Amino acid sequence: LDAAVTARDTAAVAKTLPPAFDVMVPAGLGVALAEMVGAELGAMVLEGPSSQIALRLALQAAQPQVVTHPPKDATPVDLWLLSFASGEPESAPPQGRGEERAAALFPAFLGASETNVPPATADLIQGNKRGEAMLAAIADTDAGLDGDLARAAQGLRSLRALGQHEIARQAAVELILAPAIMPRPGDTPPQR
């Protein structure tokens, strides 16, 4: 895969990316794969299964801007996620695989960042304890990896209230992609 990406050989990438993804993700290396090649793959015009993998790896790597040609067979949710990751905040996620996670987290991005802040976070901010509020927001957001999406949405709202809009947006993207990129031990990654 590395040689194919370095050579920008789309045919070789199309052949080597799916097997590399299928080995690395269950081994807990999906995030590492995204960091290594997500930007390069997202910029390539690929077809078939490798195109969807490349899109998701680019999004996981916080590189939506490199995806100038989304896959022709991208799902509506993947296209929404690309738009959301790029900063489009107003449209709700469409129906489809992954939509339930997106639907649970998306409301954290509606309205001004100061609205619907969890009371505990508001108290910490007003008490000039922004660092403590940030740590609590990170812990809340991280709970989404364990399936507590309501708590994760609170964490995302708190991050926004603390002025961390881009970090909150990327965290939401990663939480939406988590089942495909970072499945929990013992879980079977969803089909691509």
N, C-alpha and C. Protein backbone atom coordinates (compact mmCIF):
# COMPACT_ATOMS: atom_id res chain seq x y z
N LEU A 1 0.83 -1.19 0.00
CA LEU A 1 0.00 0.00 0.00
C LEU A 1 0.88 1.25 0.00
N ASP A 2 1.91 1.24 0.83
CA ASP A 2 2.79 2.41 0.91
C ASP A 2 3.41 2.72 -0.45
N ALA A 3 3.89 1.70 -1.14
CA ALA A 3 4.50 1.91 -2.46
C ALA A 3 3.46 2.43 -3.45
N ALA A 4 2.25 1.92 -3.39
CA ALA A 4 1.19 2.35 -4.30
C ALA A 4 0.82 3.80 -4.05
N VAL A 5 0.72 4.19 -2.78
CA VAL A 5 0.39 5.58 -2.44
C VAL A 5 1.52 6.51 -2.85
N THR A 6 2.75 6.12 -2.56
CA THR A 6 3.91 6.94 -2.93
C THR A 6 3.97 7.16 -4.44
N ALA A 7 3.67 6.11 -5.20
CA ALA A 7 3.70 6.21 -6.66
C ALA A 7 2.43 6.86 -7.22
N ARG A 8 1.43 7.09 -6.35
CA ARG A 8 0.13 7.63 -6.76
C ARG A 8 -0.50 6.76 -7.85
N ASP A 9 -0.31 5.48 -7.69
CA ASP A 9 -0.82 4.48 -8.63
C ASP A 9 -2.22 4.05 -8.17
N THR A 10 -3.24 4.64 -8.78
CA THR A 10 -4.60 4.39 -8.34
C THR A 10 -5.01 2.92 -8.47
N ALA A 11 -4.56 2.26 -9.51
CA ALA A 11 -4.91 0.85 -9.68
C ALA A 11 -4.29 0.01 -8.56
N ALA A 12 -3.05 0.28 -8.22
CA ALA A 12 -2.39 -0.46 -7.14
C ALA A 12 -3.03 -0.12 -5.79
N VAL A 13 -3.41 1.13 -5.58
CA VAL A 13 -4.08 1.51 -4.33
C VAL A 13 -5.42 0.78 -4.24
N ALA A 14 -6.17 0.76 -5.33
CA ALA A 14 -7.47 0.08 -5.34
C ALA A 14 -7.32 -1.40 -4.99
N LYS A 15 -6.20 -1.99 -5.36
CA LYS A 15 -5.97 -3.40 -5.10
C LYS A 15 -5.47 -3.65 -3.68
N THR A 16 -4.64 -2.74 -3.15
CA THR A 16 -4.00 -3.00 -1.86
C THR A 16 -4.71 -2.36 -0.65
N LEU A 17 -5.49 -1.32 -0.88
CA LEU A 17 -6.12 -0.64 0.25
C LEU A 17 -7.15 -1.50 0.99
N PRO A 18 -8.11 -2.13 0.30
CA PRO A 18 -9.09 -2.93 1.07
C PRO A 18 -8.47 -4.02 1.94
N PRO A 19 -7.50 -4.80 1.44
CA PRO A 19 -6.92 -5.80 2.34
C PRO A 19 -6.14 -5.17 3.50
N ALA A 20 -5.43 -4.07 3.24
CA ALA A 20 -4.71 -3.40 4.33
C ALA A 20 -5.68 -2.89 5.39
N PHE A 21 -6.77 -2.29 4.95
CA PHE A 21 -7.80 -1.79 5.86
C PHE A 21 -8.39 -2.93 6.67
N ASP A 22 -8.68 -4.05 6.01
CA ASP A 22 -9.31 -5.19 6.66
C ASP A 22 -8.39 -5.85 7.70
N VAL A 23 -7.09 -5.66 7.56
CA VAL A 23 -6.14 -6.21 8.54
C VAL A 23 -5.88 -5.19 9.65
N MET A 24 -5.71 -3.93 9.28
CA MET A 24 -5.31 -2.92 10.26
C MET A 24 -6.43 -2.52 11.22
N VAL A 25 -7.65 -2.40 10.73
CA VAL A 25 -8.75 -1.96 11.61
C VAL A 25 -9.00 -2.95 12.74
N PRO A 26 -9.18 -4.25 12.47
CA PRO A 26 -9.40 -5.17 13.59
C PRO A 26 -8.22 -5.24 14.55
N ALA A 27 -7.03 -4.89 14.07
CA ALA A 27 -5.84 -4.89 14.93
C ALA A 27 -5.74 -3.61 15.76
N GLY A 28 -6.73 -2.72 15.63
CA GLY A 28 -6.72 -1.48 16.39
C GLY A 28 -5.86 -0.40 15.76
N LEU A 29 -5.56 -0.53 14.48
CA LEU A 29 -4.67 0.40 13.80
C LEU A 29 -5.38 1.25 12.74
N GLY A 30 -6.70 1.35 12.81
CA GLY A 30 -7.44 2.16 11.85
C GLY A 30 -7.06 3.63 11.91
N VAL A 31 -6.91 4.15 13.13
CA VAL A 31 -6.53 5.56 13.28
C VAL A 31 -5.11 5.78 12.75
N ALA A 32 -4.21 4.86 13.04
CA ALA A 32 -2.84 4.97 12.54
C ALA A 32 -2.82 4.95 11.02
N LEU A 33 -3.62 4.09 10.42
CA LEU A 33 -3.70 4.04 8.96
C LEU A 33 -4.19 5.37 8.41
N ALA A 34 -5.21 5.94 9.06
CA ALA A 34 -5.74 7.24 8.62
C ALA A 34 -4.66 8.32 8.71
N GLU A 35 -3.93 8.33 9.81
CA GLU A 35 -2.89 9.34 9.99
C GLU A 35 -1.76 9.16 8.96
N MET A 36 -1.46 7.91 8.61
CA MET A 36 -0.37 7.65 7.67
C MET A 36 -0.73 8.02 6.24
N VAL A 37 -1.94 7.67 5.80
CA VAL A 37 -2.25 7.81 4.37
C VAL A 37 -3.59 8.48 4.07
N GLY A 38 -4.32 8.91 5.09
CA GLY A 38 -5.65 9.47 4.87
C GLY A 38 -5.66 10.65 3.92
N ALA A 39 -4.76 11.60 4.11
CA ALA A 39 -4.74 12.79 3.25
C ALA A 39 -4.40 12.42 1.81
N GLU A 40 -3.41 11.57 1.62
CA GLU A 40 -3.01 11.17 0.28
C GLU A 40 -4.13 10.41 -0.44
N LEU A 41 -4.75 9.48 0.29
CA LEU A 41 -5.82 8.70 -0.32
C LEU A 41 -7.04 9.54 -0.62
N GLY A 42 -7.37 10.46 0.27
CA GLY A 42 -8.52 11.32 0.05
C GLY A 42 -8.38 12.18 -1.19
N ALA A 43 -7.16 12.51 -1.55
CA ALA A 43 -6.91 13.34 -2.73
C ALA A 43 -6.94 12.55 -4.03
N MET A 44 -6.90 11.23 -3.94
CA MET A 44 -6.90 10.39 -5.13
C MET A 44 -8.32 10.14 -5.62
N VAL A 45 -8.46 10.00 -6.91
CA VAL A 45 -9.76 9.65 -7.49
C VAL A 45 -9.76 8.13 -7.64
N LEU A 46 -10.49 7.48 -6.75
CA LEU A 46 -10.55 6.03 -6.72
C LEU A 46 -11.98 5.58 -7.01
N GLU A 47 -12.13 4.31 -7.31
CA GLU A 47 -13.46 3.74 -7.55
C GLU A 47 -13.60 2.47 -6.74
N GLY A 48 -14.84 2.05 -6.58
CA GLY A 48 -15.10 0.81 -5.87
C GLY A 48 -14.89 0.94 -4.37
N PRO A 49 -14.69 -0.20 -3.71
CA PRO A 49 -14.56 -0.19 -2.25
C PRO A 49 -13.44 0.72 -1.74
N SER A 50 -12.36 0.83 -2.48
CA SER A 50 -11.25 1.66 -2.01
C SER A 50 -11.63 3.14 -1.94
N SER A 51 -12.59 3.58 -2.75
CA SER A 51 -12.96 4.99 -2.73
C SER A 51 -13.66 5.36 -1.42
N GLN A 52 -14.52 4.49 -0.93
CA GLN A 52 -15.21 4.77 0.33
C GLN A 52 -14.23 4.68 1.50
N ILE A 53 -13.33 3.72 1.47
CA ILE A 53 -12.32 3.61 2.52
C ILE A 53 -11.47 4.88 2.53
N ALA A 54 -11.05 5.33 1.36
CA ALA A 54 -10.20 6.52 1.27
C ALA A 54 -10.92 7.74 1.83
N LEU A 55 -12.19 7.89 1.51
CA LEU A 55 -12.97 9.02 2.03
C LEU A 55 -13.00 8.97 3.55
N ARG A 56 -13.31 7.84 4.10
CA ARG A 56 -13.40 7.73 5.57
C ARG A 56 -12.05 7.94 6.24
N LEU A 57 -10.99 7.46 5.63
CA LEU A 57 -9.66 7.68 6.22
C LEU A 57 -9.27 9.16 6.16
N ALA A 58 -9.63 9.84 5.08
CA ALA A 58 -9.35 11.28 4.99
C ALA A 58 -10.13 12.04 6.05
N LEU A 59 -11.38 11.66 6.28
CA LEU A 59 -12.19 12.31 7.31
C LEU A 59 -11.63 12.02 8.70
N GLN A 60 -11.24 10.79 8.94
CA GLN A 60 -10.65 10.43 10.24
C GLN A 60 -9.37 11.23 10.49
N ALA A 61 -8.62 11.49 9.43
CA ALA A 61 -7.36 12.24 9.55
C ALA A 61 -7.58 13.75 9.57
N ALA A 62 -8.82 14.19 9.64
CA ALA A 62 -9.16 15.62 9.67
C ALA A 62 -8.70 16.33 8.39
N GLN A 63 -8.89 15.67 7.26
CA GLN A 63 -8.46 16.21 5.98
C GLN A 63 -9.60 16.26 4.96
N PRO A 64 -10.77 16.77 5.30
CA PRO A 64 -11.86 16.77 4.33
C PRO A 64 -11.57 17.63 3.11
N GLN A 65 -10.74 18.63 3.27
CA GLN A 65 -10.46 19.55 2.16
C GLN A 65 -9.73 18.88 1.00
N VAL A 66 -9.09 17.75 1.21
CA VAL A 66 -8.38 17.08 0.12
C VAL A 66 -9.32 16.29 -0.78
N VAL A 67 -10.54 16.03 -0.31
CA VAL A 67 -11.49 15.21 -1.07
C VAL A 67 -12.22 16.13 -2.05
N THR A 68 -11.61 16.31 -3.21
CA THR A 68 -12.21 17.18 -4.23
C THR A 68 -13.16 16.42 -5.13
N HIS A 69 -13.03 15.10 -5.17
CA HIS A 69 -13.90 14.25 -5.98
C HIS A 69 -14.44 13.13 -5.10
N PRO A 70 -15.56 13.38 -4.40
CA PRO A 70 -16.12 12.31 -3.56
C PRO A 70 -16.43 11.07 -4.40
N PRO A 71 -16.39 9.92 -3.78
CA PRO A 71 -16.68 8.69 -4.52
C PRO A 71 -18.06 8.74 -5.18
N LYS A 72 -18.12 8.21 -6.38
CA LYS A 72 -19.40 8.18 -7.09
C LYS A 72 -20.43 7.33 -6.36
N ASP A 73 -19.96 6.31 -5.65
CA ASP A 73 -20.87 5.42 -4.94
C ASP A 73 -20.94 5.73 -3.44
N ALA A 74 -20.55 6.95 -3.06
CA ALA A 74 -20.62 7.33 -1.65
C ALA A 74 -22.06 7.32 -1.16
N THR A 75 -22.23 6.89 0.06
CA THR A 75 -23.57 6.88 0.64
C THR A 75 -23.98 8.31 0.97
N PRO A 76 -25.28 8.57 1.07
CA PRO A 76 -25.72 9.91 1.48
C PRO A 76 -25.14 10.33 2.83
N VAL A 77 -24.99 9.38 3.76
CA VAL A 77 -24.42 9.71 5.07
C VAL A 77 -22.96 10.11 4.92
N ASP A 78 -22.21 9.39 4.08
CA ASP A 78 -20.80 9.74 3.87
C ASP A 78 -20.67 11.13 3.24
N LEU A 79 -21.54 11.46 2.30
CA LEU A 79 -21.50 12.79 1.68
C LEU A 79 -21.87 13.87 2.70
N TRP A 80 -22.86 13.56 3.55
CA TRP A 80 -23.22 14.50 4.61
C TRP A 80 -22.04 14.70 5.56
N LEU A 81 -21.38 13.59 5.91
CA LEU A 81 -20.26 13.67 6.84
C LEU A 81 -19.12 14.50 6.24
N LEU A 82 -18.87 14.36 4.95
CA LEU A 82 -17.86 15.17 4.28
C LEU A 82 -18.23 16.65 4.37
N SER A 83 -19.48 16.96 4.12
CA SER A 83 -19.95 18.34 4.20
C SER A 83 -19.86 18.86 5.64
N PHE A 84 -20.29 18.05 6.58
CA PHE A 84 -20.24 18.44 8.00
C PHE A 84 -18.79 18.68 8.44
N ALA A 85 -17.89 17.76 8.08
CA ALA A 85 -16.48 17.89 8.45
C ALA A 85 -15.86 19.15 7.84
N SER A 86 -16.39 19.55 6.69
CA SER A 86 -15.88 20.75 6.01
C SER A 86 -16.44 22.04 6.60
N GLY A 87 -17.37 21.92 7.54
CA GLY A 87 -17.87 23.10 8.22
C GLY A 87 -19.33 23.44 7.98
N GLU A 88 -20.04 22.65 7.18
CA GLU A 88 -21.45 22.92 6.88
C GLU A 88 -22.28 22.48 8.09
N PRO A 89 -22.84 23.41 8.83
CA PRO A 89 -23.45 23.03 10.09
C PRO A 89 -24.96 22.85 10.11
N GLU A 90 -25.66 23.18 9.06
CA GLU A 90 -27.10 23.36 9.20
C GLU A 90 -27.99 22.19 8.80
N SER A 91 -27.51 21.27 7.99
CA SER A 91 -28.41 20.21 7.53
C SER A 91 -28.27 18.96 8.38
N ALA A 92 -29.38 18.36 8.73
CA ALA A 92 -29.39 17.14 9.53
C ALA A 92 -28.91 15.97 8.68
N PRO A 93 -28.37 14.95 9.32
CA PRO A 93 -27.89 13.80 8.54
C PRO A 93 -29.03 13.05 7.87
N PRO A 94 -28.79 12.52 6.67
CA PRO A 94 -29.81 11.74 5.97
C PRO A 94 -29.91 10.33 6.56
N GLN A 95 -30.93 9.61 6.17
CA GLN A 95 -31.09 8.23 6.60
C GLN A 95 -30.01 7.37 5.95
N GLY A 96 -29.58 6.35 6.67
CA GLY A 96 -28.60 5.41 6.13
C GLY A 96 -27.68 4.90 7.21
N ARG A 97 -26.80 3.97 6.84
CA ARG A 97 -25.87 3.38 7.80
C ARG A 97 -25.00 4.48 8.41
N GLY A 98 -24.94 4.53 9.72
CA GLY A 98 -24.18 5.54 10.42
C GLY A 98 -25.02 6.73 10.86
N GLU A 99 -26.23 6.83 10.32
CA GLU A 99 -27.09 7.98 10.59
C GLU A 99 -27.46 8.10 12.06
N GLU A 100 -27.66 6.97 12.73
CA GLU A 100 -28.10 7.04 14.13
C GLU A 100 -27.05 7.71 15.01
N ARG A 101 -25.78 7.45 14.76
CA ARG A 101 -24.71 8.11 15.53
C ARG A 101 -24.68 9.60 15.18
N ALA A 102 -24.76 9.90 13.90
CA ALA A 102 -24.74 11.30 13.46
C ALA A 102 -25.94 12.05 14.02
N ALA A 103 -27.11 11.42 14.00
CA ALA A 103 -28.32 12.08 14.50
C ALA A 103 -28.23 12.35 15.99
N ALA A 104 -27.56 11.49 16.74
CA ALA A 104 -27.42 11.69 18.18
C ALA A 104 -26.45 12.82 18.50
N LEU A 105 -25.45 13.03 17.66
CA LEU A 105 -24.41 14.03 17.94
C LEU A 105 -24.68 15.38 17.27
N PHE A 106 -25.35 15.37 16.14
CA PHE A 106 -25.56 16.60 15.37
C PHE A 106 -26.22 17.73 16.15
N PRO A 107 -27.21 17.46 17.01
CA PRO A 107 -27.84 18.58 17.73
C PRO A 107 -26.87 19.42 18.56
N ALA A 108 -25.73 18.86 18.91
CA ALA A 108 -24.72 19.62 19.67
C ALA A 108 -24.18 20.79 18.87
N PHE A 109 -24.43 20.80 17.56
CA PHE A 109 -23.90 21.84 16.68
C PHE A 109 -24.96 22.83 16.22
N LEU A 110 -26.16 22.68 16.73
CA LEU A 110 -27.24 23.59 16.34
C LEU A 110 -27.28 24.77 17.29
N GLY A 111 -27.48 25.94 16.75
CA GLY A 111 -27.59 27.15 17.57
C GLY A 111 -26.24 27.68 18.01
N ALA A 112 -26.30 28.75 18.76
CA ALA A 112 -25.08 29.36 19.26
C ALA A 112 -24.39 28.41 20.23
N SER A 113 -23.07 28.47 20.27
CA SER A 113 -22.32 27.54 21.11
C SER A 113 -22.59 27.74 22.59
N GLU A 114 -23.12 28.90 22.95
CA GLU A 114 -23.40 29.16 24.36
C GLU A 114 -24.75 28.60 24.82
N THR A 115 -25.55 28.09 23.89
CA THR A 115 -26.86 27.56 24.27
C THR A 115 -26.75 26.09 24.63
N ASN A 116 -27.59 25.66 25.52
CA ASN A 116 -27.67 24.26 25.93
C ASN A 116 -26.36 23.71 26.50
N VAL A 117 -25.57 24.58 27.13
CA VAL A 117 -24.34 24.11 27.76
C VAL A 117 -24.73 23.37 29.04
N PRO A 118 -24.17 22.21 29.26
CA PRO A 118 -24.49 21.50 30.49
C PRO A 118 -24.23 22.40 31.71
N PRO A 119 -25.13 22.38 32.70
CA PRO A 119 -24.99 23.26 33.86
C PRO A 119 -23.64 23.15 34.56
N ALA A 120 -23.12 21.94 34.69
CA ALA A 120 -21.83 21.78 35.38
C ALA A 120 -20.72 22.51 34.61
N THR A 121 -20.77 22.44 33.29
CA THR A 121 -19.77 23.15 32.48
C THR A 121 -19.95 24.65 32.62
N ALA A 122 -21.18 25.10 32.58
CA ALA A 122 -21.44 26.54 32.73
C ALA A 122 -20.91 27.04 34.07
N ASP A 123 -21.12 26.26 35.13
CA ASP A 123 -20.63 26.66 36.45
C ASP A 123 -19.10 26.74 36.47
N LEU A 124 -18.44 25.77 35.84
CA LEU A 124 -16.98 25.79 35.80
C LEU A 124 -16.47 27.01 35.01
N ILE A 125 -17.10 27.30 33.89
CA ILE A 125 -16.69 28.44 33.08
C ILE A 125 -16.89 29.74 33.86
N GLN A 126 -18.05 29.87 34.49
CA GLN A 126 -18.32 31.09 35.27
C GLN A 126 -17.42 31.20 36.48
N GLY A 127 -16.96 30.08 37.01
CA GLY A 127 -16.04 30.07 38.14
C GLY A 127 -14.59 30.21 37.73
N ASN A 128 -14.37 30.54 36.44
CA ASN A 128 -13.03 30.72 35.89
C ASN A 128 -12.18 29.45 36.01
N LYS A 129 -12.83 28.31 35.79
CA LYS A 129 -12.15 27.02 35.82
C LYS A 129 -12.24 26.38 34.44
N ARG A 130 -11.74 27.11 33.45
CA ARG A 130 -11.84 26.66 32.05
C ARG A 130 -11.06 25.36 31.81
N GLY A 131 -9.93 25.20 32.45
CA GLY A 131 -9.15 23.98 32.28
C GLY A 131 -9.91 22.76 32.77
N GLU A 132 -10.52 22.90 33.93
CA GLU A 132 -11.33 21.82 34.48
C GLU A 132 -12.54 21.54 33.59
N ALA A 133 -13.14 22.61 33.07
CA ALA A 133 -14.27 22.45 32.15
C ALA A 133 -13.83 21.72 30.88
N MET A 134 -12.63 22.04 30.41
CA MET A 134 -12.11 21.38 29.20
C MET A 134 -11.89 19.89 29.46
N LEU A 135 -11.29 19.56 30.58
CA LEU A 135 -11.07 18.14 30.91
C LEU A 135 -12.39 17.39 31.03
N ALA A 136 -13.38 18.00 31.65
CA ALA A 136 -14.70 17.37 31.76
C ALA A 136 -15.34 17.19 30.39
N ALA A 137 -15.19 18.20 29.52
CA ALA A 137 -15.76 18.11 28.16
C ALA A 137 -15.10 16.99 27.37
N ILE A 138 -13.79 16.85 27.52
CA ILE A 138 -13.07 15.78 26.82
C ILE A 138 -13.53 14.41 27.32
N ALA A 139 -13.67 14.27 28.65
CA ALA A 139 -14.13 13.00 29.21
C ALA A 139 -15.54 12.68 28.74
N ASP A 140 -16.40 13.69 28.72
CA ASP A 140 -17.77 13.47 28.24
C ASP A 140 -17.77 13.05 26.78
N THR A 141 -17.00 13.74 25.96
CA THR A 141 -16.94 13.42 24.53
C THR A 141 -16.42 12.00 24.33
N ASP A 142 -15.40 11.64 25.08
CA ASP A 142 -14.79 10.32 24.97
C ASP A 142 -15.77 9.20 25.32
N ALA A 143 -16.78 9.52 26.13
CA ALA A 143 -17.78 8.51 26.49
C ALA A 143 -18.52 7.99 25.26
N GLY A 144 -18.51 8.75 24.19
CA GLY A 144 -19.14 8.30 22.95
C GLY A 144 -18.49 7.05 22.38
N LEU A 145 -17.21 6.86 22.66
CA LEU A 145 -16.54 5.65 22.19
C LEU A 145 -17.07 4.40 22.87
N ASP A 146 -17.63 4.60 24.06
CA ASP A 146 -18.24 3.48 24.79
C ASP A 146 -19.74 3.39 24.54
N GLY A 147 -20.24 4.20 23.61
CA GLY A 147 -21.64 4.13 23.24
C GLY A 147 -22.55 5.15 23.90
N ASP A 148 -22.03 5.96 24.82
CA ASP A 148 -22.86 6.96 25.49
C ASP A 148 -22.88 8.24 24.65
N LEU A 149 -23.69 8.21 23.60
CA LEU A 149 -23.73 9.33 22.66
C LEU A 149 -24.40 10.56 23.25
N ALA A 150 -25.32 10.39 24.19
CA ALA A 150 -25.95 11.55 24.83
C ALA A 150 -24.90 12.32 25.64
N ARG A 151 -24.08 11.60 26.38
CA ARG A 151 -23.01 12.27 27.14
C ARG A 151 -21.99 12.89 26.19
N ALA A 152 -21.69 12.19 25.10
CA ALA A 152 -20.74 12.73 24.12
C ALA A 152 -21.28 14.03 23.53
N ALA A 153 -22.56 14.08 23.25
CA ALA A 153 -23.15 15.32 22.71
C ALA A 153 -23.01 16.46 23.71
N GLN A 154 -23.16 16.17 25.01
CA GLN A 154 -22.94 17.20 26.02
C GLN A 154 -21.49 17.68 25.99
N GLY A 155 -20.56 16.74 25.86
CA GLY A 155 -19.15 17.10 25.77
C GLY A 155 -18.86 17.97 24.56
N LEU A 156 -19.48 17.65 23.44
CA LEU A 156 -19.29 18.45 22.22
C LEU A 156 -19.84 19.86 22.41
N ARG A 157 -21.01 19.98 23.04
CA ARG A 157 -21.58 21.31 23.34
C ARG A 157 -20.63 22.10 24.24
N SER A 158 -20.07 21.42 25.23
CA SER A 158 -19.15 22.08 26.16
C SER A 158 -17.89 22.54 25.42
N LEU A 159 -17.35 21.70 24.55
CA LEU A 159 -16.17 22.11 23.77
C LEU A 159 -16.47 23.35 22.96
N ARG A 160 -17.64 23.38 22.34
CA ARG A 160 -18.03 24.57 21.57
C ARG A 160 -18.13 25.79 22.46
N ALA A 161 -18.73 25.64 23.65
CA ALA A 161 -18.86 26.77 24.58
C ALA A 161 -17.49 27.28 25.03
N LEU A 162 -16.51 26.39 25.02
CA LEU A 162 -15.15 26.77 25.39
C LEU A 162 -14.35 27.29 24.20
N GLY A 163 -15.01 27.48 23.06
CA GLY A 163 -14.34 28.04 21.88
C GLY A 163 -13.60 27.02 21.03
N GLN A 164 -13.81 25.75 21.29
CA GLN A 164 -13.10 24.69 20.57
C GLN A 164 -13.99 24.10 19.48
N HIS A 165 -14.47 24.95 18.59
CA HIS A 165 -15.43 24.53 17.57
C HIS A 165 -14.87 23.47 16.63
N GLU A 166 -13.67 23.67 16.12
CA GLU A 166 -13.10 22.71 15.17
C GLU A 166 -12.77 21.38 15.84
N ILE A 167 -12.30 21.45 17.07
CA ILE A 167 -12.01 20.21 17.80
C ILE A 167 -13.31 19.45 18.04
N ALA A 168 -14.36 20.16 18.40
CA ALA A 168 -15.65 19.50 18.61
C ALA A 168 -16.15 18.85 17.32
N ARG A 169 -16.02 19.56 16.21
CA ARG A 169 -16.48 19.03 14.93
C ARG A 169 -15.70 17.77 14.56
N GLN A 170 -14.38 17.81 14.69
CA GLN A 170 -13.57 16.64 14.35
C GLN A 170 -13.87 15.48 15.30
N ALA A 171 -14.07 15.78 16.58
CA ALA A 171 -14.43 14.72 17.53
C ALA A 171 -15.74 14.06 17.13
N ALA A 172 -16.70 14.85 16.68
CA ALA A 172 -17.97 14.28 16.23
C ALA A 172 -17.76 13.39 15.01
N VAL A 173 -16.95 13.84 14.07
CA VAL A 173 -16.65 13.03 12.88
C VAL A 173 -16.05 11.69 13.31
N GLU A 174 -15.09 11.74 14.21
CA GLU A 174 -14.43 10.52 14.66
C GLU A 174 -15.38 9.60 15.41
N LEU A 175 -16.29 10.17 16.19
CA LEU A 175 -17.26 9.34 16.89
C LEU A 175 -18.24 8.68 15.90
N ILE A 176 -18.60 9.40 14.86
CA ILE A 176 -19.49 8.83 13.84
C ILE A 176 -18.79 7.71 13.09
N LEU A 177 -17.52 7.89 12.80
CA LEU A 177 -16.75 6.89 12.07
C LEU A 177 -16.24 5.75 12.96
N ALA A 178 -16.32 5.90 14.27
CA ALA A 178 -15.70 4.95 15.20
C ALA A 178 -16.02 3.48 14.92
N PRO A 179 -17.28 3.10 14.65
CA PRO A 179 -17.52 1.68 14.42
C PRO A 179 -16.73 1.12 13.22
N ALA A 180 -16.47 1.95 12.22
CA ALA A 180 -15.75 1.49 11.03
C ALA A 180 -14.24 1.59 11.17
N ILE A 181 -13.76 2.59 11.92
CA ILE A 181 -12.32 2.85 12.00
C ILE A 181 -11.70 2.31 13.29
N MET A 182 -12.46 2.39 14.40
CA MET A 182 -11.93 1.95 15.69
C MET A 182 -12.94 1.09 16.44
N PRO A 183 -13.25 -0.08 15.91
CA PRO A 183 -14.22 -0.92 16.63
C PRO A 183 -13.66 -1.32 18.00
N ARG A 184 -14.56 -1.47 18.94
CA ARG A 184 -14.15 -1.89 20.28
C ARG A 184 -13.70 -3.34 20.23
N PRO A 185 -12.80 -3.74 21.15
CA PRO A 185 -12.36 -5.15 21.17
C PRO A 185 -13.56 -6.09 21.24
N GLY A 186 -13.53 -7.08 20.40
CA GLY A 186 -14.60 -8.06 20.35
C GLY A 186 -15.72 -7.72 19.37
N ASP A 187 -15.80 -6.43 18.96
CA ASP A 187 -16.82 -6.04 17.98
C ASP A 187 -16.33 -6.40 16.58
N THR A 188 -17.26 -6.73 15.74
CA THR A 188 -16.94 -6.94 14.33
C THR A 188 -17.16 -5.63 13.62
N PRO A 189 -16.13 -5.13 12.89
CA PRO A 189 -16.35 -3.87 12.16
C PRO A 189 -17.50 -4.02 11.19
N PRO A 190 -18.32 -2.96 11.03
CA PRO A 190 -19.41 -3.04 10.07
C PRO A 190 -18.88 -3.22 8.65
N GLN A 191 -19.71 -3.78 7.80
CA GLN A 191 -19.29 -3.96 6.42
C GLN A 191 -19.07 -2.59 5.78
N ARG A 192 -18.10 -2.54 4.88
CA ARG A 192 -17.80 -1.29 4.19
C ARG A 192 -18.88 -0.96 3.21
